[in-house]
N, C-alpha and C. Protein backbone atom coordinates (compact mmCIF):
# COMPACT_ATOMS: atom_id res chain seq x y z
N MET A 1 80.34 125.16 108.07
CA MET A 1 80.78 123.58 107.42
C MET A 1 80.69 123.60 106.21
N SER A 2 81.38 122.91 105.46
CA SER A 2 81.61 122.84 103.79
C SER A 2 80.65 121.74 103.44
N PRO A 3 79.97 121.95 102.62
CA PRO A 3 78.91 120.72 101.55
C PRO A 3 79.44 119.80 101.37
N ASP A 4 80.36 119.67 100.74
CA ASP A 4 81.25 118.44 100.51
C ASP A 4 82.01 117.74 101.62
N ARG A 5 82.04 118.19 102.95
CA ARG A 5 82.48 117.54 104.33
C ARG A 5 81.40 116.97 104.81
N PRO A 6 81.47 115.63 105.07
CA PRO A 6 80.69 115.15 105.93
C PRO A 6 80.20 115.74 107.32
N ARG A 7 79.14 115.84 107.96
CA ARG A 7 78.94 116.36 109.34
C ARG A 7 79.53 115.07 110.04
N GLN A 8 79.98 115.99 111.08
CA GLN A 8 80.91 114.95 112.20
C GLN A 8 79.81 114.52 113.11
N THR A 9 79.49 113.25 113.42
CA THR A 9 78.67 113.10 114.55
C THR A 9 79.41 112.48 115.90
N ALA A 10 78.45 112.52 117.24
CA ALA A 10 79.05 112.47 118.53
C ALA A 10 80.21 111.25 118.23
N ALA A 11 79.50 110.02 117.63
CA ALA A 11 80.86 109.09 117.55
C ALA A 11 82.17 109.09 116.97
N ASP A 12 81.82 110.24 116.05
CA ASP A 12 83.24 110.61 115.17
C ASP A 12 83.87 111.68 116.26
N ARG A 13 83.55 112.04 117.26
CA ARG A 13 84.06 113.38 117.89
C ARG A 13 84.71 112.08 119.11
N LEU A 14 83.84 110.89 119.66
CA LEU A 14 84.56 110.45 120.43
C LEU A 14 85.48 109.28 120.02
N VAL A 15 85.41 109.09 119.02
CA VAL A 15 86.54 107.82 117.94
C VAL A 15 87.24 108.72 117.61
N GLY A 16 87.53 109.54 116.92
CA GLY A 16 88.73 110.22 116.39
C GLY A 16 90.01 109.90 116.73
N PRO A 17 90.43 110.64 118.37
CA PRO A 17 91.36 110.62 119.09
C PRO A 17 92.13 109.45 119.32
N LEU A 18 90.95 108.28 119.47
CA LEU A 18 91.52 107.00 119.96
C LEU A 18 91.67 106.14 118.31
N LEU A 19 91.71 106.60 117.47
CA LEU A 19 92.09 105.98 116.63
C LEU A 19 93.27 105.12 116.51
N GLY A 20 94.17 106.24 116.38
CA GLY A 20 95.80 105.55 116.51
C GLY A 20 95.96 105.11 117.46
N VAL A 21 95.11 104.75 118.57
CA VAL A 21 95.57 103.83 120.18
C VAL A 21 94.63 102.30 119.55
N LEU A 22 93.48 102.84 119.38
CA LEU A 22 92.65 101.45 119.09
C LEU A 22 92.69 100.80 118.19
N PHE A 23 93.01 101.53 116.64
CA PHE A 23 92.57 101.12 115.55
C PHE A 23 94.05 101.06 114.66
N VAL A 24 94.07 100.30 113.40
CA VAL A 24 95.17 100.45 112.57
C VAL A 24 94.01 100.65 111.33
N ARG A 25 95.35 101.39 110.36
CA ARG A 25 94.66 102.10 109.00
C ARG A 25 95.08 100.76 108.39
N ALA A 26 94.08 100.61 107.18
CA ALA A 26 94.35 99.54 106.36
C ALA A 26 93.44 100.26 105.17
N GLU A 27 93.90 99.85 103.76
CA GLU A 27 93.04 99.97 102.86
C GLU A 27 92.31 98.44 102.20
N ALA A 28 91.26 99.21 101.35
CA ALA A 28 90.73 97.83 101.00
C ALA A 28 91.12 97.36 99.32
N ALA A 29 92.48 96.52 99.62
CA ALA A 29 92.66 96.08 98.18
C ALA A 29 92.06 95.51 97.18
N GLY A 30 91.03 95.05 97.68
CA GLY A 30 90.32 94.10 96.62
C GLY A 30 88.96 93.65 97.35
N ILE A 31 87.84 93.63 96.59
CA ILE A 31 86.39 93.23 96.89
C ILE A 31 85.77 92.69 95.98
N ASP A 32 85.51 91.28 96.14
CA ASP A 32 84.85 90.46 95.31
C ASP A 32 83.66 89.31 96.19
N GLN A 33 82.45 89.43 94.81
CA GLN A 33 81.47 89.12 95.41
C GLN A 33 81.16 87.73 95.33
N ILE A 34 80.96 87.05 96.78
CA ILE A 34 81.03 85.84 96.89
C ILE A 34 79.71 84.82 96.70
N THR A 35 78.80 85.84 97.43
CA THR A 35 77.26 85.22 96.73
C THR A 35 76.93 86.64 97.16
N PRO A 36 75.40 86.68 96.81
CA PRO A 36 74.65 87.82 96.93
C PRO A 36 74.70 88.65 98.14
N ARG A 37 74.86 87.81 98.98
CA ARG A 37 75.29 88.63 100.60
C ARG A 37 76.21 88.47 101.23
N MET A 38 77.23 87.99 100.68
CA MET A 38 78.92 87.88 101.12
C MET A 38 80.10 88.48 100.17
N ARG A 39 80.77 89.22 100.90
CA ARG A 39 81.94 89.85 100.02
C ARG A 39 82.97 89.32 100.79
N LEU A 40 84.33 89.31 99.81
CA LEU A 40 85.67 89.25 100.01
C LEU A 40 86.43 90.18 99.95
N ILE A 41 86.64 90.61 101.42
CA ILE A 41 87.65 92.09 101.35
C ILE A 41 89.30 91.95 102.00
N ARG A 42 89.88 92.36 101.05
CA ARG A 42 91.28 92.34 101.24
C ARG A 42 91.61 93.57 101.63
N LEU A 43 92.55 93.52 103.21
CA LEU A 43 92.92 94.35 103.41
C LEU A 43 94.49 94.75 103.35
N ALA A 44 94.86 95.61 103.08
CA ALA A 44 96.61 95.62 103.03
C ALA A 44 96.86 97.31 103.70
N GLY A 45 98.08 97.07 103.98
CA GLY A 45 98.86 98.23 104.82
C GLY A 45 99.70 98.13 105.30
N PRO A 46 100.46 98.87 105.88
CA PRO A 46 101.77 99.06 106.72
C PRO A 46 101.35 98.50 107.98
N GLU A 47 100.39 99.06 108.56
CA GLU A 47 100.33 98.83 110.02
C GLU A 47 99.69 97.36 110.36
N LEU A 48 99.30 96.82 109.38
CA LEU A 48 98.77 95.44 109.23
C LEU A 48 99.97 94.22 109.38
N CYS A 49 101.48 94.77 108.82
CA CYS A 49 102.51 93.91 109.10
C CYS A 49 102.83 93.67 110.50
N GLY A 50 102.84 92.52 111.19
CA GLY A 50 103.48 91.99 112.38
C GLY A 50 102.16 91.75 113.15
N LEU A 51 100.93 92.05 113.03
CA LEU A 51 99.75 91.67 113.73
C LEU A 51 99.59 89.97 113.52
N THR A 52 98.92 89.05 114.11
CA THR A 52 98.57 87.67 114.06
C THR A 52 97.25 87.72 114.21
N TRP A 53 96.60 86.84 113.06
CA TRP A 53 94.77 86.67 113.13
C TRP A 53 95.00 84.94 112.92
N THR A 54 93.93 84.63 113.40
CA THR A 54 93.65 83.61 113.43
C THR A 54 92.18 83.12 112.65
N PRO A 55 91.98 82.33 111.50
CA PRO A 55 91.06 82.28 110.87
C PRO A 55 89.92 81.91 111.60
N GLY A 56 88.85 82.89 111.95
CA GLY A 56 87.81 82.58 112.31
C GLY A 56 87.54 83.42 113.58
N GLN A 57 88.34 84.54 113.82
CA GLN A 57 88.48 85.65 114.61
C GLN A 57 87.88 86.63 113.35
N GLN A 58 87.78 87.66 114.46
CA GLN A 58 86.82 89.21 113.71
C GLN A 58 87.32 89.98 114.39
N VAL A 59 87.36 90.88 112.77
CA VAL A 59 88.13 92.07 112.64
C VAL A 59 86.70 93.35 112.56
N ARG A 60 86.84 94.31 113.02
CA ARG A 60 85.98 95.44 112.97
C ARG A 60 86.47 96.55 112.29
N VAL A 61 85.54 96.86 111.36
CA VAL A 61 86.07 97.68 110.20
C VAL A 61 85.36 99.43 110.16
N ARG A 62 85.76 100.11 110.59
CA ARG A 62 85.20 101.31 110.59
C ARG A 62 84.85 102.00 109.42
N VAL A 63 84.01 102.03 108.37
CA VAL A 63 83.20 102.56 107.03
C VAL A 63 82.19 103.57 107.52
N ARG A 64 81.80 104.70 106.10
CA ARG A 64 81.34 105.59 106.10
C ARG A 64 79.57 104.96 105.11
N ASP A 65 78.45 105.40 105.70
CA ASP A 65 77.15 104.89 105.00
C ASP A 65 77.42 106.23 104.03
N PRO A 66 75.99 105.79 102.99
CA PRO A 66 76.04 106.86 101.56
C PRO A 66 75.98 107.94 102.19
N ARG A 67 75.63 108.51 103.53
CA ARG A 67 75.19 109.79 104.02
C ARG A 67 76.36 110.16 104.65
N GLY A 68 77.34 109.45 104.72
CA GLY A 68 78.45 109.99 104.97
C GLY A 68 78.62 109.93 107.14
N ARG A 69 78.05 109.08 107.29
CA ARG A 69 77.17 108.60 108.71
C ARG A 69 78.90 107.69 108.96
N SER A 70 79.37 107.67 110.42
CA SER A 70 80.66 106.77 110.66
C SER A 70 79.76 105.36 111.25
N ALA A 71 80.08 103.97 111.03
CA ALA A 71 79.59 103.18 111.22
C ALA A 71 80.57 102.02 111.52
N LEU A 72 80.49 101.23 112.55
CA LEU A 72 81.41 99.90 112.58
C LEU A 72 80.80 98.71 112.15
N ARG A 73 81.68 97.96 111.26
CA ARG A 73 80.93 96.59 111.15
C ARG A 73 81.57 95.64 111.03
N THR A 74 81.73 94.17 111.21
CA THR A 74 81.88 93.33 111.88
C THR A 74 82.13 91.74 110.72
N TYR A 75 83.73 91.55 110.43
CA TYR A 75 83.91 90.51 109.56
C TYR A 75 84.48 89.81 110.29
N SER A 76 84.74 88.71 109.64
CA SER A 76 85.28 87.12 110.23
C SER A 76 86.43 87.09 109.23
N VAL A 77 87.55 86.68 109.47
CA VAL A 77 89.03 86.53 109.24
C VAL A 77 89.17 85.37 108.53
N TRP A 78 89.17 85.10 107.24
CA TRP A 78 89.12 84.01 106.43
C TRP A 78 90.79 83.34 106.22
N SER A 79 91.79 84.07 106.09
CA SER A 79 92.71 83.99 106.18
C SER A 79 93.76 85.01 106.32
N TYR A 80 95.01 84.63 106.50
CA TYR A 80 95.91 86.21 106.74
C TYR A 80 97.36 85.83 106.16
N ARG A 81 97.57 86.21 105.58
CA ARG A 81 99.31 86.36 104.57
C ARG A 81 100.34 87.32 105.29
N GLY A 82 100.76 87.48 106.24
CA GLY A 82 101.45 88.29 106.86
C GLY A 82 102.46 88.32 106.72
């Protein structure tokens, strides 16, 4: 294992093959601090085109923590411009 590559967890091995089926890829196009405990995160990417969202709906985002472990975070959709 390479020292600059994070160690793969059991969750990574399970979720990895399903990413293309259950998830779509996007990039954080912008992050703004709204309050000390709230951020506005704008996601962008071609796989988001054609999806429909309703304000108040939730989206799960797979992120890496500072130690390189995978985690899922839940965010509410405020608006959508498709």
